[in-house]
PDB file of N, CA and C in Angstrom:
ATOM      1  N   GLU A   1     -26.209  22.253 -14.524  1.00  0.00           N
ATOM      2  CA  GLU A   1     -24.942  21.859 -15.176  1.00  0.00           C
ATOM      3  C   GLU A   1     -23.770  21.987 -14.173  1.00  0.00           C
ATOM      4  N   ARG A   2     -23.697  23.102 -13.534  1.00  0.00           N
ATOM      5  CA  ARG A   2     -22.600  23.275 -12.575  1.00  0.00           C
ATOM      6  C   ARG A   2     -22.665  22.210 -11.481  1.00  0.00           C
ATOM      7  N   GLU A   3     -23.880  21.883 -11.094  1.00  0.00           N
ATOM      8  CA  GLU A   3     -24.035  20.851 -10.064  1.00  0.00           C
ATOM      9  C   GLU A   3     -23.391  19.546 -10.517  1.00  0.00           C
ATOM     10  N   ARG A   4     -23.711  19.137 -11.706  1.00  0.00           N
ATOM     11  CA  ARG A   4     -23.130  17.886 -12.214  1.00  0.00           C
ATOM     12  C   ARG A   4     -21.611  17.997 -12.292  1.00  0.00           C
ATOM     13  N   GLU A   5     -21.154  19.150 -12.643  1.00  0.00           N
ATOM     14  CA  GLU A   5     -19.705  19.350 -12.731  1.00  0.00           C
ATOM     15  C   GLU A   5     -19.079  19.078 -11.355  1.00  0.00           C
ATOM     16  N   ARG A   6     -19.641  19.692 -10.341  1.00  0.00           N
ATOM     17  CA  ARG A   6     -19.110  19.483  -8.981  1.00  0.00           C
ATOM     18  C   ARG A   6     -19.213  18.014  -8.599  1.00  0.00           C
ATOM     19  N   GLU A   7     -20.276  17.388  -8.994  1.00  0.00           N
ATOM     20  CA  GLU A   7     -20.429  15.954  -8.680  1.00  0.00           C
ATOM     21  C   GLU A   7     -19.277  15.178  -9.276  1.00  0.00           C
ATOM     22  N   ARG A   8     -19.005  15.405 -10.532  1.00  0.00           N
ATOM     23  CA  ARG A   8     -17.905  14.682 -11.180  1.00  0.00           C
ATOM     24  C   ARG A   8     -16.585  14.996 -10.482  1.00  0.00           C
ATOM     25  N   GLU A   9     -16.429  16.227 -10.081  1.00  0.00           N
ATOM     26  CA  GLU A   9     -15.201  16.608  -9.374  1.00  0.00           C
ATOM     27  C   GLU A   9     -15.055  15.765  -8.113  1.00  0.00           C
ATOM     28  N   ARG A  10     -16.099  15.710  -7.325  1.00  0.00           N
ATOM     29  CA  ARG A  10     -16.045  14.915  -6.084  1.00  0.00           C
ATOM     30  C   ARG A  10     -15.753  13.456  -6.406  1.00  0.00           C
ATOM     31  N   GLU A  11     -16.336  12.976  -7.466  1.00  0.00           N
ATOM     32  CA  GLU A  11     -16.085  11.579  -7.851  1.00  0.00           C
ATOM     33  C   GLU A  11     -14.599  11.373  -8.104  1.00  0.00           C
ATOM     34  N   ARG A  12     -14.016  12.250  -8.874  1.00  0.00           N
ATOM     35  CA  ARG A  12     -12.589  12.112  -9.167  1.00  0.00           C
ATOM     36  C   ARG A  12     -11.773  12.194  -7.881  1.00  0.00           C
ATOM     37  N   GLU A  13     -12.173  13.071  -6.987  1.00  0.00           N
ATOM     38  CA  GLU A  13     -11.475  13.190  -5.705  1.00  0.00           C
ATOM     39  C   GLU A  13     -11.508  11.859  -4.964  1.00  0.00           C
ATOM     40  N   ARG A  14     -12.667  11.267  -4.847  1.00  0.00           N
ATOM     41  CA  ARG A  14     -12.778   9.983  -4.151  1.00  0.00           C
ATOM     42  C   ARG A  14     -11.920   8.940  -4.844  1.00  0.00           C
ATOM     43  N   GLU A  15     -11.900   8.989  -6.145  1.00  0.00           N
ATOM     44  CA  GLU A  15     -11.074   8.020  -6.889  1.00  0.00           C
ATOM     45  C   GLU A  15      -9.618   8.170  -6.477  1.00  0.00           C
ATOM     46  N   ARG A  16      -9.130   9.394  -6.484  1.00  0.00           N
ATOM     47  CA  ARG A  16      -7.736   9.619  -6.109  1.00  0.00           C
ATOM     48  C   ARG A  16      -7.492   9.151  -4.683  1.00  0.00           C
ATOM     49  N   GLU A  17      -8.436   9.394  -3.800  1.00  0.00           N
ATOM     50  CA  GLU A  17      -8.299   8.948  -2.409  1.00  0.00           C
ATOM     51  C   GLU A  17      -8.115   7.440  -2.361  1.00  0.00           C
ATOM     52  N   ARG A  18      -8.980   6.726  -3.041  1.00  0.00           N
ATOM     53  CA  ARG A  18      -8.861   5.262  -3.039  1.00  0.00           C
ATOM     54  C   ARG A  18      -7.516   4.850  -3.614  1.00  0.00           C
ATOM     55  N   GLU A  19      -7.082   5.539  -4.613  1.00  0.00           N
ATOM     56  CA  GLU A  19      -5.778   5.210  -5.213  1.00  0.00           C
ATOM     57  C   GLU A  19      -4.689   5.331  -4.159  1.00  0.00           C
ATOM     58  N   ARG A  20      -4.674   6.452  -3.461  1.00  0.00           N
ATOM     59  CA  ARG A  20      -3.641   6.648  -2.432  1.00  0.00           C
ATOM     60  C   ARG A  20      -3.744   5.560  -1.369  1.00  0.00           C
ATOM     61  N   GLU A  21      -4.955   5.194  -1.017  1.00  0.00           N
ATOM     62  CA  GLU A  21      -5.144   4.131  -0.014  1.00  0.00           C
ATOM     63  C   GLU A  21      -4.474   2.847  -0.489  1.00  0.00           C
ATOM     64  N   ARG A  22      -4.754   2.466  -1.707  1.00  0.00           N
ATOM     65  CA  ARG A  22      -4.153   1.232  -2.237  1.00  0.00           C
ATOM     66  C   ARG A  22      -2.636   1.357  -2.253  1.00  0.00           C
ATOM     67  N   GLU A  23      -2.157   2.523  -2.578  1.00  0.00           N
ATOM     68  CA  GLU A  23      -0.704   2.726  -2.610  1.00  0.00           C
ATOM     69  C   GLU A  23      -0.123   2.458  -1.221  1.00  0.00           C
ATOM     70  N   ARG A  24      -0.718   3.054  -0.203  1.00  0.00           N
ATOM     71  CA  ARG A  24      -0.214   2.850   1.168  1.00  0.00           C
ATOM     72  C   ARG A  24      -0.264   1.376   1.532  1.00  0.00           C
ATOM     73  N   GLU A  25      -1.315   0.707   1.130  1.00  0.00           N
ATOM     74  CA  GLU A  25      -1.426  -0.729   1.439  1.00  0.00           C
ATOM     75  C   GLU A  25      -0.275  -1.498   0.804  1.00  0.00           C
ATOM     76  N   ARG A  26       0.013  -1.191  -0.452  1.00  0.00           N
ATOM     77  CA  ARG A  26       1.117  -1.895  -1.120  1.00  0.00           C
ATOM     78  C   ARG A  26       2.424  -1.598  -0.403  1.00  0.00           C
ATOM     79  N   GLU A  27       2.594  -0.374   0.034  1.00  0.00           N
ATOM     80  CA  GLU A  27       3.809   0.001   0.758  1.00  0.00           C
ATOM     81  C   GLU A  27       3.957  -0.869   2.006  1.00  0.00           C
ATOM     82  N   LYS A  28       2.903  -0.939   2.793  1.00  0.00           N
ATOM     83  CA  LYS A  28       2.947  -1.750   4.026  1.00  0.00           C
ATOM     84  C   LYS A  28       3.290  -3.185   3.667  1.00  0.00           C
ATOM     85  N   GLU A  29       2.700  -3.675   2.614  1.00  0.00           N
ATOM     86  CA  GLU A  29       2.944  -5.059   2.199  1.00  0.00           C
ATOM     87  C   GLU A  29       4.437  -5.251   1.932  1.00  0.00           C
ATOM     88  N   ARG A  30       5.041  -4.347   1.174  1.00  0.00           N
ATOM     89  CA  ARG A  30       6.466  -4.479   0.878  1.00  0.00           C
ATOM     90  C   ARG A  30       7.275  -4.443   2.158  1.00  0.00           C
ATOM     91  N   GLU A  31       6.885  -3.577   3.081  1.00  0.00           N
ATOM     92  CA  GLU A  31       7.600  -3.503   4.357  1.00  0.00           C
ATOM     93  C   GLU A  31       7.538  -4.846   5.086  1.00  0.00           C
ATOM     94  N   ARG A  32       6.343  -5.393   5.174  1.00  0.00           N
ATOM     95  CA  ARG A  32       6.202  -6.684   5.864  1.00  0.00           C
ATOM     96  C   ARG A  32       7.030  -7.743   5.143  1.00  0.00           C
ATOM     97  N   GLU A  33       7.075  -7.678   3.853  1.00  0.00           N
ATOM     98  CA  GLU A  33       7.855  -8.660   3.084  1.00  0.00           C
ATOM     99  C   GLU A  33       9.324  -8.562   3.491  1.00  0.00           C
ATOM    100  N   LYS A  34       9.843  -7.366   3.548  1.00  0.00           N
ATOM    101  CA  LYS A  34      11.247  -7.178   3.931  1.00  0.00           C
ATOM    102  C   LYS A  34      11.484  -7.765   5.320  1.00  0.00           C
ATOM    103  N   GLU A  35      10.553  -7.494   6.223  1.00  0.00           N
ATOM    104  CA  GLU A  35      10.676  -8.021   7.594  1.00  0.00           C
ATOM    105  C   GLU A  35      10.751  -9.543   7.577  1.00  0.00           C
ATOM    106  N   ARG A  36       9.854 -10.154   6.854  1.00  0.00           N
ATOM    107  CA  ARG A  36       9.876 -11.624   6.785  1.00  0.00           C
ATOM    108  C   ARG A  36      11.195 -12.097   6.192  1.00  0.00           C
ATOM    109  N   GLU A  37      11.690 -11.385   5.254  1.00  0.00           N
ATOM    110  CA  GLU A  37      12.961 -11.760   4.626  1.00  0.00           C
ATOM    111  C   GLU A  37      14.063 -11.755   5.686  1.00  0.00           C
ATOM    112  N   LYS A  38      14.118 -10.716   6.464  1.00  0.00           N
ATOM    113  CA  LYS A  38      15.140 -10.628   7.521  1.00  0.00           C
ATOM    114  C   LYS A  38      15.000 -11.814   8.460  1.00  0.00           C
ATOM    115  N   GLU A  39      13.773 -12.114   8.814  1.00  0.00           N
ATOM    116  CA  GLU A  39      13.537 -13.251   9.725  1.00  0.00           C
ATOM    117  C   GLU A  39      14.071 -14.544   9.119  1.00  0.00           C
ATOM    118  N   ARG A  40      13.794 -14.752   7.870  1.00  0.00           N
ATOM    119  CA  ARG A  40      14.294 -15.973   7.221  1.00  0.00           C
ATOM    120  C   ARG A  40      15.819 -15.985   7.223  1.00  0.00           C
ATOM    121  N   GLU A  41      16.389 -14.836   7.038  1.00  0.00           N
ATOM    122  CA  GLU A  41      17.854 -14.751   7.056  1.00  0.00           C
ATOM    123  C   GLU A  41      18.386 -15.202   8.420  1.00  0.00           C
ATOM    124  N   LYS A  42      17.806 -14.680   9.462  1.00  0.00           N
ATOM    125  CA  LYS A  42      18.238 -15.054  10.822  1.00  0.00           C
ATOM    126  C   LYS A  42      18.104 -16.554  10.997  1.00  0.00           C
ATOM    127  N   GLU A  43      17.025 -17.107  10.517  1.00  0.00           N
ATOM    128  CA  GLU A  43      16.802 -18.555  10.640  1.00  0.00           C
ATOM    129  C   GLU A  43      17.943 -19.313   9.968  1.00  0.00           C
ATOM    130  N   ARG A  44      18.280 -18.906   8.768  1.00  0.00           N
ATOM    131  CA  ARG A  44      19.365 -19.586   8.054  1.00  0.00           C
ATOM    132  C   ARG A  44      20.659 -19.482   8.841  1.00  0.00           C
ATOM    133  N   GLU A  45      20.881 -18.320   9.412  1.00  0.00           N
ATOM    134  CA  GLU A  45      22.100 -18.128  10.207  1.00  0.00           C
ATOM    135  C   GLU A  45      22.136 -19.136  11.356  1.00  0.00           C
ATOM    136  N   ARG A  46      21.043 -19.254  12.060  1.00  0.00           N
ATOM    137  CA  ARG A  46      20.990 -20.182  13.189  1.00  0.00           C
ATOM    138  C   ARG A  46      21.244 -21.611  12.726  1.00  0.00           C
ATOM    139  N   GLU A  47      20.714 -21.961  11.595  1.00  0.00           N
ATOM    140  CA  GLU A  47      20.912 -23.334  11.128  1.00  0.00           C
ATOM    141  C   GLU A  47      22.375 -23.616  10.814  1.00  0.00           C
ATOM    142  N   ARG A  48      23.089 -22.632  10.372  1.00  0.00           N
ATOM    143  CA  ARG A  48      24.496 -22.839  10.056  1.00  0.00           C
ATOM    144  C   ARG A  48      25.294 -23.134  11.316  1.00  0.00           C
ATOM    145  N   GLU A  49      24.886 -22.567  12.410  1.00  0.00           N
ATOM    146  CA  GLU A  49      25.631 -22.749  13.673  1.00  0.00           C
ATOM    147  C   GLU A  49      25.826 -24.213  14.033  1.00  0.00           C
TER     148      GLU A  49
END
């Protein structure tokens, strides 16, 4: 019984790990989005010139 308990514990741990991984990925994605936005802004600026 205790063995199974520890197994479930490890499972939950791995789940949380994957969750954090996905979170970091989304963060990076938002960062890249902001960067692209800035780039588009610069482009618009140049076109106005």
